[in-house]
C-alpha atoms as a PDB file:
ATOM      1  CA  MET A   1       6.617 -58.636  30.344  1.00  0.00           C
ATOM      2  CA  ASP A   2       4.500 -60.875  32.604  1.00  0.00           C
ATOM      3  CA  TYR A   3       0.718 -60.949  32.896  1.00  0.00           C
ATOM      4  CA  PRO A   4       0.137 -62.987  36.053  1.00  0.00           C
ATOM      5  CA  GLU A   5      -3.666 -62.500  36.023  1.00  0.00           C
ATOM      6  CA  HIS A   6      -3.742 -64.343  32.733  1.00  0.00           C
ATOM      7  CA  GLY A   7      -0.777 -66.630  33.363  1.00  0.00           C
ATOM      8  CA  GLU A   8       1.111 -65.609  30.272  1.00  0.00           C
ATOM      9  CA  VAL A   9       4.507 -64.133  29.344  1.00  0.00           C
ATOM     10  CA  LEU A  10       5.078 -62.167  26.139  1.00  0.00           C
ATOM     11  CA  LYS A  11       7.352 -63.747  23.544  1.00  0.00           C
ATOM     12  CA  ASP A  12       7.625 -60.474  21.687  1.00  0.00           C
ATOM     13  CA  THR A  13      10.285 -58.302  23.305  1.00  0.00           C
ATOM     14  CA  SER A  14       9.930 -55.256  21.077  1.00  0.00           C
ATOM     15  CA  ARG A  15       9.470 -51.836  22.592  1.00  0.00           C
ATOM     16  CA  CYS A  16       5.768 -51.601  21.960  1.00  0.00           C
ATOM     17  CA  ALA A  17       4.829 -55.210  22.652  1.00  0.00           C
ATOM     18  CA  HIS A  18       3.363 -54.576  26.095  1.00  0.00           C
ATOM     19  CA  LEU A  19       1.054 -51.864  24.721  1.00  0.00           C
ATOM     20  CA  ARG A  20      -0.134 -54.176  21.942  1.00  0.00           C
ATOM     21  CA  ALA A  21      -0.858 -56.879  24.509  1.00  0.00           C
ATOM     22  CA  GLN A  22      -2.799 -54.427  26.723  1.00  0.00           C
ATOM     23  CA  LEU A  23      -4.874 -53.291  23.783  1.00  0.00           C
ATOM     24  CA  LYS A  24      -5.608 -56.871  22.777  1.00  0.00           C
ATOM     25  CA  LEU A  25      -6.650 -57.869  26.303  1.00  0.00           C
ATOM     26  CA  CYS A  26      -8.834 -54.793  26.611  1.00  0.00           C
ATOM     27  CA  LEU A  27     -10.608 -55.510  23.345  1.00  0.00           C
ATOM     28  CA  LEU A  28     -11.085 -59.212  23.964  1.00  0.00           C
ATOM     29  CA  GLU A  29     -12.968 -58.416  27.206  1.00  0.00           C
ATOM     30  CA  THR A  30     -15.618 -56.322  25.356  1.00  0.00           C
ATOM     31  CA  ASP A  31     -19.100 -57.545  24.404  1.00  0.00           C
ATOM     32  CA  CYS A  32     -18.264 -56.716  20.829  1.00  0.00           C
ATOM     33  CA  CYS A  33     -15.714 -59.513  20.671  1.00  0.00           C
ATOM     34  CA  LYS A  34     -17.312 -61.912  23.144  1.00  0.00           C
ATOM     35  CA  LYS A  35     -20.985 -61.925  22.192  1.00  0.00           C
ATOM     36  CA  GLU A  36     -21.129 -60.549  18.704  1.00  0.00           C
ATOM     37  CA  LYS A  37     -18.027 -62.450  17.431  1.00  0.00           C
ATOM     38  CA  ILE A  38     -16.628 -59.356  15.667  1.00  0.00           C
ATOM     39  CA  THR A  39     -12.845 -59.009  15.267  1.00  0.00           C
ATOM     40  CA  PRO A  40     -11.097 -56.581  17.642  1.00  0.00           C
ATOM     41  CA  ARG A  41      -9.994 -54.488  14.666  1.00  0.00           C
ATOM     42  CA  GLU A  42     -13.597 -54.085  13.476  1.00  0.00           C
ATOM     43  CA  CYS A  43     -14.745 -53.238  16.954  1.00  0.00           C
ATOM     44  CA  LEU A  44     -12.272 -50.336  17.067  1.00  0.00           C
ATOM     45  CA  ARG A  45     -13.055 -49.134  13.526  1.00  0.00           C
ATOM     46  CA  SER A  46     -16.833 -49.188  14.014  1.00  0.00           C
ATOM     47  CA  ARG A  47     -16.594 -47.384  17.357  1.00  0.00           C
ATOM     48  CA  HIS A  48     -18.756 -50.082  18.933  1.00  0.00           C
ATOM     49  CA  PRO A  49     -20.495 -48.849  22.092  1.00  0.00           C
ATOM     50  CA  SER A  50     -19.180 -51.718  24.218  1.00  0.00           C
ATOM     51  CA  VAL A  51     -15.561 -50.671  23.669  1.00  0.00           C
ATOM     52  CA  PRO A  52     -14.430 -48.564  26.648  1.00  0.00           C
ATOM     53  CA  ASP A  53     -12.369 -45.350  26.341  1.00  0.00           C
ATOM     54  CA  GLU A  54      -9.466 -47.185  27.951  1.00  0.00           C
ATOM     55  CA  CYS A  55      -9.054 -49.261  24.780  1.00  0.00           C
ATOM     56  CA  TYR A  56      -8.910 -46.179  22.598  1.00  0.00           C
ATOM     57  CA  THR A  57      -6.296 -44.734  24.959  1.00  0.00           C
ATOM     58  CA  TYR A  58      -4.220 -47.915  24.523  1.00  0.00           C
ATOM     59  CA  MET A  59      -4.638 -47.615  20.727  1.00  0.00           C
ATOM     60  CA  GLN A  60      -3.370 -44.017  20.734  1.00  0.00           C
ATOM     61  CA  THR A  61      -0.456 -44.863  23.033  1.00  0.00           C
ATOM     62  CA  LEU A  62       0.494 -47.820  20.792  1.00  0.00           C
ATOM     63  CA  PHE A  63       0.416 -45.491  17.761  1.00  0.00           C
ATOM     64  CA  ASP A  64       2.636 -42.988  19.557  1.00  0.00           C
ATOM     65  CA  CYS A  65       5.068 -45.745  20.515  1.00  0.00           C
ATOM     66  CA  LYS A  66       5.340 -47.035  16.955  1.00  0.00           C
ATOM     67  CA  HIS A  67       5.637 -43.505  15.613  1.00  0.00           C
ATOM     68  CA  SER A  68       8.501 -42.723  18.012  1.00  0.00           C
ATOM     69  CA  MET A  69      10.440 -45.708  16.734  1.00  0.00           C
ATOM     70  CA  LEU A  70      10.325 -44.297  13.200  1.00  0.00           C
ATOM     71  CA  ASP A  71      10.891 -40.621  13.940  1.00  0.00           C
ATOM     72  CA  GLY A  72      14.606 -40.021  14.150  1.00  0.00           C
ATOM     73  CA  ARG A  73      14.346 -36.595  15.782  1.00  0.00           C
ATOM     74  CA  ARG A  74      12.110 -37.948  18.523  1.00  0.00           C
ATOM     75  CA  ARG A  75      14.700 -40.575  19.469  1.00  0.00           C
ATOM     76  CA  PHE A  76      17.145 -37.849  20.470  1.00  0.00           C
ATOM     77  CA  ARG A  77      14.809 -35.098  21.720  1.00  0.00           C
ATOM     78  CA  GLY A  78      12.363 -37.316  23.598  1.00  0.00           C
ATOM     79  CA  ILE A  79       8.599 -37.152  23.798  1.00  0.00           C
ATOM     80  CA  LYS A  80       7.059 -33.655  23.947  1.00  0.00           C
ATOM     81  CA  GLY A  81       5.122 -32.650  26.986  1.00  0.00           C
END
């Protein structure tokens, strides 16, 4: 997957790699990571006020993607909803 606005191409070609990259970019743009020098993981865990809801949506979508890779029934039945 290409990210032309950042001039980068993902080396990781796994199914959920693009979601992980989106979450990373979202978190690195927050004041929590930029000004306070806190790791992205800690920003998510502490529910820092500078982290937008969009990042939490990416986090949940990434979780669902990883879970779908492990759940054998979901591979055949598809995602609900």
